[in-house]
Amino acid sequence: QVQLVESGGGLVQAGGSLRLSCAVSGLTFRNYPMAWFRQAPGEEREFVATISRSDGTTYYASSVKGRFIISRDNFKNTVYLQMNSLKPADTAVYYCAAGRSYYTDPLLLRTRNNIAYWGQGTQVTVSS
Protein backbone atom coordinates (compact mmCIF):
# COMPACT_ATOMS: atom_id res chain seq x y z
CA GLN A 1 0.00 0.00 0.00
CA VAL A 2 1.46 3.32 -1.10
CA GLN A 3 1.44 6.07 1.50
CA LEU A 4 2.56 9.69 1.31
CA VAL A 5 2.47 11.42 4.68
CA GLU A 6 3.09 15.15 4.90
CA SER A 7 4.20 17.01 8.00
CA GLY A 8 5.60 20.39 8.99
CA GLY A 9 2.66 22.64 8.27
CA GLY A 10 1.45 25.28 10.67
CA LEU A 11 0.90 28.98 11.31
CA VAL A 12 3.66 31.44 10.48
CA GLN A 13 3.93 35.19 10.10
CA ALA A 14 4.54 36.78 6.74
CA GLY A 15 8.24 36.74 5.92
CA GLY A 16 8.81 33.58 7.92
CA SER A 17 9.82 30.10 6.84
CA LEU A 18 8.50 26.56 7.09
CA ARG A 19 9.86 23.22 5.96
CA LEU A 20 7.41 20.57 4.82
CA SER A 21 8.33 16.91 4.72
CA CYS A 22 6.66 14.01 2.95
CA ALA A 23 7.54 10.47 3.99
CA VAL A 24 6.83 7.91 1.28
CA SER A 25 6.34 4.16 1.67
CA GLY A 26 5.03 1.29 -0.39
CA LEU A 27 7.00 2.06 -3.55
CA THR A 28 10.61 2.28 -4.68
CA PHE A 29 10.97 5.96 -3.92
CA ARG A 30 14.10 6.62 -5.99
CA ASN A 31 12.22 5.53 -9.15
CA TYR A 32 9.51 8.20 -8.83
CA PRO A 33 9.55 11.90 -9.66
CA MET A 34 7.92 13.90 -6.89
CA ALA A 35 6.02 17.15 -6.62
CA TRP A 36 4.23 19.52 -4.30
CA PHE A 37 0.84 21.06 -5.02
CA ARG A 38 -1.32 23.40 -2.97
CA GLN A 39 -4.97 24.26 -2.74
CA ALA A 40 -6.39 27.42 -1.21
CA PRO A 41 -10.05 27.64 -0.14
CA GLY A 42 -12.31 27.96 -3.16
CA GLU A 43 -9.43 27.47 -5.56
CA GLU A 44 -8.25 24.61 -7.72
CA ARG A 45 -5.26 22.56 -6.67
CA GLU A 46 -2.18 24.10 -8.27
CA PHE A 47 1.34 22.98 -9.03
CA VAL A 48 4.10 24.31 -6.78
CA ALA A 49 7.32 22.41 -7.51
CA THR A 50 8.67 19.15 -8.89
CA ILE A 51 11.92 17.20 -8.68
CA SER A 52 13.29 14.44 -10.86
CA ARG A 53 13.96 10.88 -9.73
CA SER A 54 17.72 11.05 -9.22
CA ASP A 55 19.60 13.91 -10.90
CA GLY A 56 17.98 16.64 -8.82
CA THR A 57 16.38 18.56 -11.68
CA THR A 58 13.76 20.92 -10.26
CA TYR A 59 11.02 23.16 -11.60
CA TYR A 60 8.89 25.73 -9.83
CA ALA A 61 5.71 27.67 -10.33
CA SER A 62 6.48 31.29 -11.05
CA SER A 63 4.66 32.34 -7.88
CA VAL A 64 7.18 30.52 -5.65
CA LYS A 65 10.37 30.55 -7.70
CA GLY A 66 13.23 32.05 -5.72
CA ARG A 67 11.43 31.51 -2.39
CA PHE A 68 10.72 27.76 -2.24
CA ILE A 69 13.16 24.88 -2.62
CA ILE A 70 12.17 21.29 -3.31
CA SER A 71 14.60 18.52 -2.42
CA ARG A 72 14.62 14.80 -1.78
CA ASP A 73 16.54 12.21 0.18
CA ASN A 74 16.40 8.86 -1.60
CA PHE A 75 17.85 7.09 1.45
CA LYS A 76 15.13 8.41 3.74
CA ASN A 77 12.34 8.09 1.14
CA THR A 78 11.41 11.68 1.85
CA VAL A 79 10.75 14.78 -0.21
CA TYR A 80 10.95 18.27 1.28
CA LEU A 81 9.67 21.74 0.53
CA GLN A 82 11.59 24.59 2.13
CA MET A 83 9.39 27.67 2.05
CA ASN A 84 11.00 31.05 2.69
CA SER A 85 9.73 34.63 2.60
CA LEU A 86 6.21 33.36 3.05
CA LYS A 87 3.28 35.54 2.05
CA PRO A 88 -0.40 35.42 3.05
CA ALA A 89 -1.09 34.32 -0.55
CA ASP A 90 0.85 31.10 0.20
CA THR A 91 -1.88 30.04 2.65
CA ALA A 92 -3.21 26.68 1.46
CA VAL A 93 -3.28 22.97 2.07
CA TYR A 94 -0.04 21.58 0.67
CA TYR A 95 -0.05 18.14 -0.95
CA CYS A 96 2.82 15.82 -1.70
CA ALA A 97 2.49 13.92 -4.99
CA ALA A 98 4.26 11.11 -6.82
CA GLY A 99 4.34 10.84 -10.58
CA ARG A 100 4.53 7.62 -12.54
CA SER A 101 7.77 5.66 -12.33
CA TYR A 102 8.39 5.74 -16.10
CA TYR A 103 8.30 9.55 -16.30
CA THR A 104 11.76 10.83 -17.17
CA ASP A 105 10.65 14.48 -17.35
CA PRO A 106 9.55 15.86 -13.98
CA LEU A 107 7.70 18.67 -15.81
CA LEU A 108 4.98 16.12 -16.52
CA LEU A 109 4.01 16.39 -12.86
CA ARG A 110 2.73 19.93 -13.39
CA THR A 111 -0.47 18.31 -14.63
CA ARG A 112 -2.71 16.75 -11.98
CA ASN A 113 -3.77 13.97 -14.35
CA ASN A 114 -0.16 12.77 -14.39
CA ILE A 115 -0.06 12.24 -10.63
CA ALA A 116 -0.17 8.60 -9.54
CA TYR A 117 -0.34 9.10 -5.76
CA TRP A 118 -1.36 11.91 -3.40
CA GLY A 119 -0.74 12.61 0.25
CA GLN A 120 -3.49 13.74 2.59
CA GLY A 121 -2.24 17.33 2.81
CA THR A 122 -0.90 19.64 5.49
CA GLN A 123 -2.25 23.11 6.28
CA VAL A 124 0.01 26.14 5.93
CA THR A 125 -1.36 29.46 7.17
CA VAL A 126 0.57 32.70 6.73
CA SER A 127 -0.64 35.66 8.76
CA SER A 128 -0.09 39.25 7.71
C-alpha atoms as a PDB file:
ATOM      1  CA  GLN A   1       0.000   0.000   0.000  1.00  0.00           C
ATOM      2  CA  VAL A   2       1.456   3.321  -1.098  1.00  0.00           C
ATOM      3  CA  GLN A   3       1.444   6.072   1.499  1.00  0.00           C
ATOM      4  CA  LEU A   4       2.561   9.688   1.305  1.00  0.00           C
ATOM      5  CA  VAL A   5       2.470  11.423   4.675  1.00  0.00           C
ATOM      6  CA  GLU A   6       3.092  15.149   4.899  1.00  0.00           C
ATOM      7  CA  SER A   7       4.199  17.013   8.005  1.00  0.00           C
ATOM      8  CA  GLY A   8       5.596  20.390   8.990  1.00  0.00           C
ATOM      9  CA  GLY A   9       2.655  22.642   8.265  1.00  0.00           C
ATOM     10  CA  GLY A  10       1.452  25.285  10.668  1.00  0.00           C
ATOM     11  CA  LEU A  11       0.900  28.979  11.311  1.00  0.00           C
ATOM     12  CA  VAL A  12       3.661  31.437  10.480  1.00  0.00           C
ATOM     13  CA  GLN A  13       3.926  35.189  10.102  1.00  0.00           C
ATOM     14  CA  ALA A  14       4.535  36.779   6.741  1.00  0.00           C
ATOM     15  CA  GLY A  15       8.236  36.736   5.915  1.00  0.00           C
ATOM     16  CA  GLY A  16       8.806  33.577   7.917  1.00  0.00           C
ATOM     17  CA  SER A  17       9.821  30.098   6.842  1.00  0.00           C
ATOM     18  CA  LEU A  18       8.497  26.555   7.087  1.00  0.00           C
ATOM     19  CA  ARG A  19       9.859  23.217   5.958  1.00  0.00           C
ATOM     20  CA  LEU A  20       7.414  20.569   4.820  1.00  0.00           C
ATOM     21  CA  SER A  21       8.329  16.905   4.722  1.00  0.00           C
ATOM     22  CA  CYS A  22       6.665  14.007   2.946  1.00  0.00           C
ATOM     23  CA  ALA A  23       7.540  10.471   3.989  1.00  0.00           C
ATOM     24  CA  VAL A  24       6.829   7.911   1.277  1.00  0.00           C
ATOM     25  CA  SER A  25       6.335   4.164   1.675  1.00  0.00           C
ATOM     26  CA  GLY A  26       5.025   1.292  -0.389  1.00  0.00           C
ATOM     27  CA  LEU A  27       6.996   2.056  -3.547  1.00  0.00           C
ATOM     28  CA  THR A  28      10.611   2.279  -4.684  1.00  0.00           C
ATOM     29  CA  PHE A  29      10.972   5.956  -3.921  1.00  0.00           C
ATOM     30  CA  ARG A  30      14.096   6.621  -5.987  1.00  0.00           C
ATOM     31  CA  ASN A  31      12.215   5.527  -9.148  1.00  0.00           C
ATOM     32  CA  TYR A  32       9.506   8.195  -8.833  1.00  0.00           C
ATOM     33  CA  PRO A  33       9.551  11.901  -9.665  1.00  0.00           C
ATOM     34  CA  MET A  34       7.921  13.904  -6.887  1.00  0.00           C
ATOM     35  CA  ALA A  35       6.019  17.151  -6.620  1.00  0.00           C
ATOM     36  CA  TRP A  36       4.231  19.522  -4.297  1.00  0.00           C
ATOM     37  CA  PHE A  37       0.843  21.063  -5.023  1.00  0.00           C
ATOM     38  CA  ARG A  38      -1.316  23.395  -2.970  1.00  0.00           C
ATOM     39  CA  GLN A  39      -4.972  24.260  -2.739  1.00  0.00           C
ATOM     40  CA  ALA A  40      -6.394  27.417  -1.215  1.00  0.00           C
ATOM     41  CA  PRO A  41     -10.046  27.637  -0.142  1.00  0.00           C
ATOM     42  CA  GLY A  42     -12.305  27.960  -3.159  1.00  0.00           C
ATOM     43  CA  GLU A  43      -9.430  27.468  -5.563  1.00  0.00           C
ATOM     44  CA  GLU A  44      -8.246  24.606  -7.724  1.00  0.00           C
ATOM     45  CA  ARG A  45      -5.256  22.556  -6.674  1.00  0.00           C
ATOM     46  CA  GLU A  46      -2.183  24.102  -8.272  1.00  0.00           C
ATOM     47  CA  PHE A  47       1.335  22.982  -9.028  1.00  0.00           C
ATOM     48  CA  VAL A  48       4.103  24.311  -6.776  1.00  0.00           C
ATOM     49  CA  ALA A  49       7.322  22.412  -7.514  1.00  0.00           C
ATOM     50  CA  THR A  50       8.668  19.147  -8.887  1.00  0.00           C
ATOM     51  CA  ILE A  51      11.918  17.203  -8.678  1.00  0.00           C
ATOM     52  CA  SER A  52      13.293  14.437 -10.864  1.00  0.00           C
ATOM     53  CA  ARG A  53      13.961  10.884  -9.733  1.00  0.00           C
ATOM     54  CA  SER A  54      17.716  11.045  -9.218  1.00  0.00           C
ATOM     55  CA  ASP A  55      19.604  13.913 -10.897  1.00  0.00           C
ATOM     56  CA  GLY A  56      17.975  16.645  -8.818  1.00  0.00           C
ATOM     57  CA  THR A  57      16.383  18.563 -11.681  1.00  0.00           C
ATOM     58  CA  THR A  58      13.760  20.917 -10.255  1.00  0.00           C
ATOM     59  CA  TYR A  59      11.016  23.160 -11.603  1.00  0.00           C
ATOM     60  CA  TYR A  60       8.892  25.731  -9.831  1.00  0.00           C
ATOM     61  CA  ALA A  61       5.707  27.668 -10.332  1.00  0.00           C
ATOM     62  CA  SER A  62       6.483  31.291 -11.051  1.00  0.00           C
ATOM     63  CA  SER A  63       4.661  32.341  -7.880  1.00  0.00           C
ATOM     64  CA  VAL A  64       7.176  30.523  -5.652  1.00  0.00           C
ATOM     65  CA  LYS A  65      10.373  30.554  -7.698  1.00  0.00           C
ATOM     66  CA  GLY A  66      13.235  32.054  -5.718  1.00  0.00           C
ATOM     67  CA  ARG A  67      11.425  31.512  -2.390  1.00  0.00           C
ATOM     68  CA  PHE A  68      10.722  27.758  -2.240  1.00  0.00           C
ATOM     69  CA  ILE A  69      13.161  24.883  -2.617  1.00  0.00           C
ATOM     70  CA  ILE A  70      12.166  21.290  -3.310  1.00  0.00           C
ATOM     71  CA  SER A  71      14.602  18.518  -2.423  1.00  0.00           C
ATOM     72  CA  ARG A  72      14.623  14.798  -1.783  1.00  0.00           C
ATOM     73  CA  ASP A  73      16.543  12.215   0.185  1.00  0.00           C
ATOM     74  CA  ASN A  74      16.396   8.861  -1.603  1.00  0.00           C
ATOM     75  CA  PHE A  75      17.853   7.092   1.450  1.00  0.00           C
ATOM     76  CA  LYS A  76      15.132   8.412   3.742  1.00  0.00           C
ATOM     77  CA  ASN A  77      12.344   8.090   1.143  1.00  0.00           C
ATOM     78  CA  THR A  78      11.410  11.678   1.854  1.00  0.00           C
ATOM     79  CA  VAL A  79      10.751  14.780  -0.210  1.00  0.00           C
ATOM     80  CA  TYR A  80      10.949  18.274   1.285  1.00  0.00           C
ATOM     81  CA  LEU A  81       9.674  21.739   0.533  1.00  0.00           C
ATOM     82  CA  GLN A  82      11.591  24.589   2.132  1.00  0.00           C
ATOM     83  CA  MET A  83       9.391  27.666   2.049  1.00  0.00           C
ATOM     84  CA  ASN A  84      10.999  31.055   2.694  1.00  0.00           C
ATOM     85  CA  SER A  85       9.725  34.634   2.600  1.00  0.00           C
ATOM     86  CA  LEU A  86       6.211  33.361   3.046  1.00  0.00           C
ATOM     87  CA  LYS A  87       3.279  35.537   2.049  1.00  0.00           C
ATOM     88  CA  PRO A  88      -0.398  35.416   3.049  1.00  0.00           C
ATOM     89  CA  ALA A  89      -1.092  34.316  -0.552  1.00  0.00           C
ATOM     90  CA  ASP A  90       0.847  31.104   0.202  1.00  0.00           C
ATOM     91  CA  THR A  91      -1.876  30.043   2.653  1.00  0.00           C
ATOM     92  CA  ALA A  92      -3.207  26.683   1.465  1.00  0.00           C
ATOM     93  CA  VAL A  93      -3.275  22.970   2.073  1.00  0.00           C
ATOM     94  CA  TYR A  94      -0.042  21.578   0.669  1.00  0.00           C
ATOM     95  CA  TYR A  95      -0.054  18.141  -0.948  1.00  0.00           C
ATOM     96  CA  CYS A  96       2.820  15.823  -1.703  1.00  0.00           C
ATOM     97  CA  ALA A  97       2.493  13.915  -4.985  1.00  0.00           C
ATOM     98  CA  ALA A  98       4.258  11.114  -6.818  1.00  0.00           C
ATOM     99  CA  GLY A  99       4.343  10.844 -10.583  1.00  0.00           C
ATOM    100  CA  ARG A 100       4.535   7.620 -12.543  1.00  0.00           C
ATOM    101  CA  SER A 101       7.768   5.659 -12.334  1.00  0.00           C
ATOM    102  CA  TYR A 102       8.386   5.739 -16.103  1.00  0.00           C
ATOM    103  CA  TYR A 103       8.301   9.545 -16.298  1.00  0.00           C
ATOM    104  CA  THR A 104      11.756  10.830 -17.167  1.00  0.00           C
ATOM    105  CA  ASP A 105      10.653  14.478 -17.354  1.00  0.00           C
ATOM    106  CA  PRO A 106       9.548  15.862 -13.984  1.00  0.00           C
ATOM    107  CA  LEU A 107       7.703  18.666 -15.812  1.00  0.00           C
ATOM    108  CA  LEU A 108       4.985  16.119 -16.523  1.00  0.00           C
ATOM    109  CA  LEU A 109       4.008  16.386 -12.859  1.00  0.00           C
ATOM    110  CA  ARG A 110       2.733  19.927 -13.391  1.00  0.00           C
ATOM    111  CA  THR A 111      -0.475  18.314 -14.627  1.00  0.00           C
ATOM    112  CA  ARG A 112      -2.707  16.747 -11.978  1.00  0.00           C
ATOM    113  CA  ASN A 113      -3.773  13.974 -14.353  1.00  0.00           C
ATOM    114  CA  ASN A 114      -0.164  12.766 -14.390  1.00  0.00           C
ATOM    115  CA  ILE A 115      -0.058  12.236 -10.625  1.00  0.00           C
ATOM    116  CA  ALA A 116      -0.166   8.602  -9.537  1.00  0.00           C
ATOM    117  CA  TYR A 117      -0.335   9.095  -5.759  1.00  0.00           C
ATOM    118  CA  TRP A 118      -1.358  11.907  -3.404  1.00  0.00           C
ATOM    119  CA  GLY A 119      -0.738  12.612   0.248  1.00  0.00           C
ATOM    120  CA  GLN A 120      -3.492  13.737   2.595  1.00  0.00           C
ATOM    121  CA  GLY A 121      -2.236  17.328   2.807  1.00  0.00           C
ATOM    122  CA  THR A 122      -0.903  19.641   5.487  1.00  0.00           C
ATOM    123  CA  GLN A 123      -2.245  23.108   6.276  1.00  0.00           C
ATOM    124  CA  VAL A 124       0.008  26.142   5.933  1.00  0.00           C
ATOM    125  CA  THR A 125      -1.360  29.459   7.171  1.00  0.00           C
ATOM    126  CA  VAL A 126       0.570  32.699   6.734  1.00  0.00           C
ATOM    127  CA  SER A 127      -0.643  35.656   8.763  1.00  0.00           C
ATOM    128  CA  SER A 128      -0.094  39.250   7.712  1.00  0.00           C
END
